[in-house]
Amino acid sequence: MAVQEKVSGGDLALGAIFSYLSLKELGRCSCVCKQWERVIRNGGPRLWKPLVLELVPKRAQKSKTMKDCFQYLRIESSQAFRAMLRSFLNSWSPHDHSPNMRVTEDPYVMHREPVAQSSDLARTKYGFKDGQHSWMVRWPSSAGSEAVLGVALESARKQCSGYVGLLGENKKGWGWHLGKGKLLHDGGLLGQYPLPGTKEAPFSPSEVDWITVNLDMDKGCLWFERNDKFLGMAFDNLPTSDPLYPAFSAVFGNTRVSLVYVGSPVLG
């Protein structure tokens, strides 16, 4: 039998007060003490639903991509509004991508147009300088010959001529080259991935498979999981002086990549 955590009268009173605050004010309050942070983090629909209605467009609220991801993660209904807001605020940027790409009507899906002789990159709205972060990626259409998934600095270029693994072509990006099954950074293929011993098959596009990207900016580490299976540590020497952005690059026309930010990784 599940044991329900008791909620004190003080927590209930704080929750009622916090429901009148803006997102920025909630962020400041969560830094005051552990109790306030816990009440805000565990706040239910009363706290988070008004912020979702205010800040998240209806098309994002109805996103099938987001709902599929939440169902896969079995996110509880009491936390769904907070998860929805968090995911939307960290979704694909409508501006920070190659001119050959666009965010679809579903804001969690980036589409690459069928443009020849071009390599293209997209980033999310925000990068991270500290903390632990996870986002779920689904690449249901053909990945193409130069598909790379990982993180990039804000200064990494978003487009170039020809067909290359743009994410990882220089010191500004770190990624998993899905087509070659290698790690890519500074223009070099660094080794097999998934790592030998993980017994994972090479990547292939799928409507159902989710790739989890995990970033620990406190330790400078990046690793991937596929359908909850750890694929090995990809990078353990990432720079922590500048924000790193979730990103991908591709060359294949009409490819679509879904991304849903889900917060801190589950560490085993």
Protein backbone atom coordinates (compact mmCIF):
# COMPACT_ATOMS: atom_id res chain seq x y z
CA MET A 1 0.00 0.00 0.00
CA ALA A 2 1.34 3.45 -0.94
CA VAL A 3 2.01 5.75 1.97
CA GLN A 4 0.73 9.25 1.41
CA GLU A 5 2.87 12.11 2.65
CA LYS A 6 1.06 14.20 5.22
CA VAL A 7 0.53 17.84 4.31
CA SER A 8 0.74 20.29 7.17
CA GLY A 9 -1.55 23.24 7.66
CA GLY A 10 1.41 25.52 7.06
CA ASP A 11 2.08 23.91 3.68
CA LEU A 12 -1.57 24.31 2.70
CA ALA A 13 -1.51 27.97 3.66
CA LEU A 14 1.69 28.56 1.72
CA GLY A 15 0.25 26.79 -1.32
CA ALA A 16 -2.80 29.06 -1.25
CA ILE A 17 -0.60 32.16 -1.07
CA PHE A 18 1.76 30.96 -3.81
CA SER A 19 -1.16 30.42 -6.19
CA TYR A 20 -1.41 34.21 -6.56
CA LEU A 21 2.22 34.66 -7.65
CA SER A 22 3.80 34.92 -11.08
CA LEU A 23 6.30 32.38 -12.39
CA LYS A 24 9.21 34.72 -11.69
CA GLU A 25 7.97 35.33 -8.14
CA LEU A 26 7.62 31.58 -7.58
CA GLY A 27 11.20 31.13 -8.72
CA ARG A 28 12.40 33.65 -6.15
CA CYS A 29 10.30 32.13 -3.39
CA SER A 30 11.62 28.63 -4.10
CA CYS A 31 15.10 29.89 -3.17
CA VAL A 32 14.04 31.11 0.29
CA CYS A 33 14.10 27.78 2.15
CA LYS A 34 13.58 24.04 1.67
CA GLN A 35 9.96 24.18 2.84
CA TRP A 36 8.98 26.82 0.30
CA GLU A 37 10.85 24.99 -2.46
CA ARG A 38 9.06 21.73 -1.58
CA VAL A 39 5.61 23.33 -1.48
CA ILE A 40 6.17 24.97 -4.87
CA ARG A 41 7.67 21.86 -6.45
CA ASN A 42 4.83 19.65 -5.21
CA GLY A 43 2.12 22.19 -5.95
CA GLY A 44 -0.85 20.69 -7.77
CA PRO A 45 -3.24 22.09 -10.38
CA ARG A 46 -4.30 25.00 -8.13
CA LEU A 47 -0.76 26.39 -8.31
CA TRP A 48 0.32 25.45 -11.84
CA LYS A 49 -2.83 25.38 -13.99
CA PRO A 50 -3.30 29.21 -14.03
CA LEU A 51 0.31 29.63 -15.16
CA VAL A 52 -0.17 27.06 -17.92
CA LEU A 53 -3.30 28.85 -19.15
CA GLU A 54 -1.39 32.15 -19.10
CA LEU A 55 1.95 31.10 -20.60
CA VAL A 56 1.41 27.97 -22.71
CA PRO A 57 -0.41 28.31 -26.06
CA LYS A 58 -3.37 26.01 -26.62
CA ARG A 59 -1.57 24.20 -29.44
CA ALA A 60 1.19 23.32 -26.98
CA GLN A 61 -1.32 22.23 -24.34
CA LYS A 62 -2.86 19.84 -26.89
CA SER A 63 0.47 18.54 -28.23
CA LYS A 64 0.33 14.81 -29.00
CA THR A 65 4.13 14.67 -28.70
CA MET A 66 4.03 16.00 -25.16
CA LYS A 67 1.15 13.74 -24.15
CA ASP A 68 2.89 10.66 -25.59
CA CYS A 69 6.02 11.53 -23.63
CA PHE A 70 4.13 12.12 -20.38
CA GLN A 71 2.31 8.83 -20.84
CA TYR A 72 5.61 7.04 -21.45
CA LEU A 73 7.05 8.58 -18.27
CA ARG A 74 3.83 7.93 -16.32
CA ILE A 75 3.71 11.47 -15.02
CA GLU A 76 1.03 11.77 -12.34
CA SER A 77 -1.97 13.95 -13.11
CA SER A 78 -1.25 16.10 -10.03
CA GLN A 79 2.10 17.10 -11.60
CA ALA A 80 0.96 17.34 -15.22
CA PHE A 81 0.50 21.13 -15.31
CA ARG A 82 3.92 21.82 -13.81
CA ALA A 83 5.51 19.35 -16.24
CA MET A 84 3.65 20.96 -19.16
CA LEU A 85 4.88 24.44 -18.28
CA ARG A 86 8.45 23.25 -17.75
CA SER A 87 8.48 21.39 -21.07
CA PHE A 88 7.08 24.28 -23.09
CA LEU A 89 9.52 26.83 -21.65
CA ASN A 90 12.40 24.55 -22.68
CA SER A 91 11.09 23.48 -26.09
CA TRP A 92 12.60 24.19 -29.52
CA SER A 93 13.41 27.83 -30.14
CA PRO A 94 11.28 29.36 -32.92
CA HIS A 95 14.26 31.56 -33.87
CA ASP A 96 17.52 29.76 -33.02
CA HIS A 97 17.76 27.33 -35.93
CA SER A 98 18.86 27.08 -39.53
CA PRO A 99 16.73 28.97 -42.08
CA ASN A 100 16.06 25.55 -43.59
CA MET A 101 14.23 24.46 -40.44
CA ARG A 102 10.98 25.45 -38.77
CA VAL A 103 9.03 24.65 -35.63
CA THR A 104 5.79 22.91 -36.60
CA GLU A 105 2.31 23.62 -35.28
CA ASP A 106 3.32 21.24 -32.53
CA PRO A 107 6.00 23.32 -30.74
CA TYR A 108 7.85 20.19 -29.62
CA VAL A 109 8.62 19.15 -33.21
CA MET A 110 11.32 20.66 -35.46
CA HIS A 111 11.03 20.08 -39.22
CA ARG A 112 13.87 20.27 -41.73
CA GLU A 113 12.83 21.35 -45.22
CA PRO A 114 13.97 19.32 -48.28
CA VAL A 115 16.92 21.56 -49.19
CA ALA A 116 19.87 20.00 -51.04
CA GLN A 117 23.54 20.44 -50.16
CA SER A 118 22.93 21.93 -46.72
CA SER A 119 23.66 20.87 -43.14
CA ASP A 120 21.35 22.39 -40.55
CA LEU A 121 21.19 22.75 -36.75
CA ALA A 122 18.52 23.70 -34.21
CA ARG A 123 18.68 24.59 -30.51
CA THR A 124 16.14 24.95 -27.72
CA LYS A 125 15.10 28.23 -26.13
CA TYR A 126 17.43 28.00 -23.14
CA GLY A 127 20.84 26.60 -22.33
CA PHE A 128 22.13 25.35 -18.99
CA LYS A 129 25.15 26.44 -16.91
CA ASP A 130 24.48 24.34 -13.81
CA GLY A 131 22.27 21.58 -12.46
CA GLN A 132 21.09 18.27 -13.90
CA HIS A 133 18.77 18.16 -16.90
CA SER A 134 17.02 15.55 -19.06
CA TRP A 135 15.05 15.76 -22.27
CA MET A 136 13.32 13.11 -24.33
CA VAL A 137 13.90 12.91 -28.08
CA ARG A 138 12.03 10.96 -30.73
CA TRP A 139 13.29 10.82 -34.32
CA PRO A 140 10.48 8.96 -36.11
CA SER A 141 11.41 9.78 -39.72
CA SER A 142 14.62 8.94 -41.56
CA ALA A 143 17.65 10.34 -39.76
CA GLY A 144 19.81 10.60 -42.86
CA SER A 145 23.57 10.17 -43.21
CA GLU A 146 24.69 13.05 -40.95
CA ALA A 147 22.24 13.05 -38.03
CA VAL A 148 23.76 14.19 -34.72
CA LEU A 149 22.09 14.61 -31.32
CA GLY A 150 23.62 16.36 -28.30
CA VAL A 151 24.47 19.84 -27.00
CA ALA A 152 25.95 23.00 -28.45
CA LEU A 153 27.17 26.41 -27.40
CA GLU A 154 25.08 29.40 -28.47
CA SER A 155 27.87 30.42 -30.88
CA ALA A 156 27.82 27.13 -32.81
CA ARG A 157 26.78 27.84 -36.38
CA LYS A 158 23.35 26.77 -37.55
CA GLN A 159 23.92 26.12 -41.26
CA CYS A 160 26.67 25.33 -43.73
CA SER A 161 26.95 24.10 -47.32
CA GLY A 162 27.40 20.42 -48.08
CA TYR A 163 26.66 17.40 -45.93
CA VAL A 164 28.51 17.22 -42.59
CA GLY A 165 27.79 16.41 -38.98
CA LEU A 166 27.28 20.05 -38.07
CA LEU A 167 26.79 19.42 -34.34
CA GLY A 168 30.32 18.53 -33.28
CA GLU A 169 32.13 19.86 -36.33
CA ASN A 170 34.27 22.04 -34.03
CA LYS A 171 34.88 22.79 -30.34
CA LYS A 172 31.37 24.29 -29.98
CA GLY A 173 29.35 21.07 -30.13
CA TRP A 174 29.22 17.56 -28.64
CA GLY A 175 27.03 14.85 -30.07
CA TRP A 176 26.15 11.26 -30.86
CA HIS A 177 26.42 10.71 -34.61
CA LEU A 178 23.44 8.41 -35.03
CA GLY A 179 24.26 7.23 -38.54
CA LYS A 180 27.87 6.26 -37.82
CA GLY A 181 27.36 5.13 -34.23
CA LYS A 182 30.18 7.38 -33.04
CA LEU A 183 30.70 10.33 -30.69
CA LEU A 184 31.53 13.58 -32.47
CA HIS A 185 33.42 16.65 -31.19
CA ASP A 186 35.88 19.12 -32.70
CA GLY A 187 35.42 17.52 -36.10
CA GLY A 188 36.62 14.12 -34.97
CA LEU A 189 34.87 10.80 -34.37
CA LEU A 190 35.89 9.88 -30.84
CA GLY A 191 34.74 6.30 -30.48
CA GLN A 192 31.89 3.83 -30.78
CA TYR A 193 28.52 4.70 -29.25
CA PRO A 194 26.56 3.08 -27.67
CA LEU A 195 29.66 1.96 -25.80
CA PRO A 196 30.83 -1.64 -26.31
CA GLY A 197 29.30 -3.85 -23.67
CA THR A 198 25.93 -2.11 -23.54
CA LYS A 199 24.58 -4.64 -26.08
CA GLU A 200 22.48 -1.98 -27.77
CA ALA A 201 21.77 -2.16 -31.50
CA PRO A 202 22.70 0.79 -33.75
CA PHE A 203 20.16 3.61 -33.85
CA SER A 204 17.27 3.34 -36.27
CA PRO A 205 14.33 5.75 -36.61
CA SER A 206 11.17 4.67 -34.78
CA GLU A 207 7.74 5.98 -33.98
CA VAL A 208 7.89 4.57 -30.47
CA ASP A 209 11.51 4.68 -29.29
CA TRP A 210 12.47 7.51 -26.96
CA ILE A 211 16.07 8.64 -26.52
CA THR A 212 16.77 10.31 -23.18
CA VAL A 213 19.56 12.90 -23.20
CA ASN A 214 21.04 13.58 -19.76
CA LEU A 215 23.23 16.57 -18.96
CA ASP A 216 25.00 17.17 -15.63
CA MET A 217 26.50 20.66 -15.77
CA ASP A 218 27.85 20.41 -12.23
CA LYS A 219 30.14 17.56 -13.34
CA GLY A 220 30.39 18.35 -17.05
CA CYS A 221 28.87 15.02 -18.16
CA LEU A 222 26.57 13.98 -21.02
CA TRP A 223 25.04 10.54 -21.56
CA PHE A 224 22.17 8.93 -23.42
CA GLU A 225 19.55 6.28 -22.74
CA ARG A 226 17.23 4.49 -25.14
CA ASN A 227 13.98 3.11 -23.81
CA ASP A 228 15.40 3.44 -20.27
CA LYS A 229 18.62 1.54 -21.11
CA PHE A 230 21.89 3.28 -20.24
CA LEU A 231 24.13 3.52 -23.32
CA GLY A 232 27.32 4.53 -21.51
CA MET A 233 28.93 7.85 -20.59
CA ALA A 234 29.35 9.88 -23.77
CA PHE A 235 31.31 12.91 -22.54
CA ASP A 236 32.73 13.66 -19.09
CA ASN A 237 34.75 16.81 -19.73
CA LEU A 238 32.20 19.35 -20.96
CA PRO A 239 32.93 23.02 -20.30
CA THR A 240 30.77 24.57 -17.58
CA SER A 241 31.67 28.24 -18.09
CA ASP A 242 29.04 28.87 -20.79
CA PRO A 243 25.49 27.56 -21.24
CA LEU A 244 25.05 24.39 -23.27
CA TYR A 245 21.88 24.05 -25.35
CA PRO A 246 20.03 20.87 -26.31
CA ALA A 247 20.54 20.60 -30.07
CA PHE A 248 20.54 18.39 -33.14
CA SER A 249 21.77 18.66 -36.70
CA ALA A 250 20.56 16.90 -39.85
CA VAL A 251 20.81 16.90 -43.63
CA PHE A 252 17.83 14.74 -44.61
CA GLY A 253 14.82 16.52 -46.13
CA ASN A 254 11.49 16.41 -44.26
CA THR A 255 13.05 14.85 -41.18
CA ARG A 256 11.22 15.73 -37.94
CA VAL A 257 12.70 15.62 -34.46
CA SER A 258 10.57 15.78 -31.31
CA LEU A 259 11.99 17.08 -28.00
CA VAL A 260 10.32 17.26 -24.58
CA TYR A 261 12.25 18.61 -21.59
CA VAL A 262 11.47 16.60 -18.43
CA GLY A 263 13.67 18.04 -15.67
CA SER A 264 16.30 16.22 -13.64
CA PRO A 265 17.52 12.75 -14.71
CA VAL A 266 16.60 9.66 -12.74
CA LEU A 267 19.91 8.38 -11.42
CA GLY A 268 20.25 4.71 -10.64
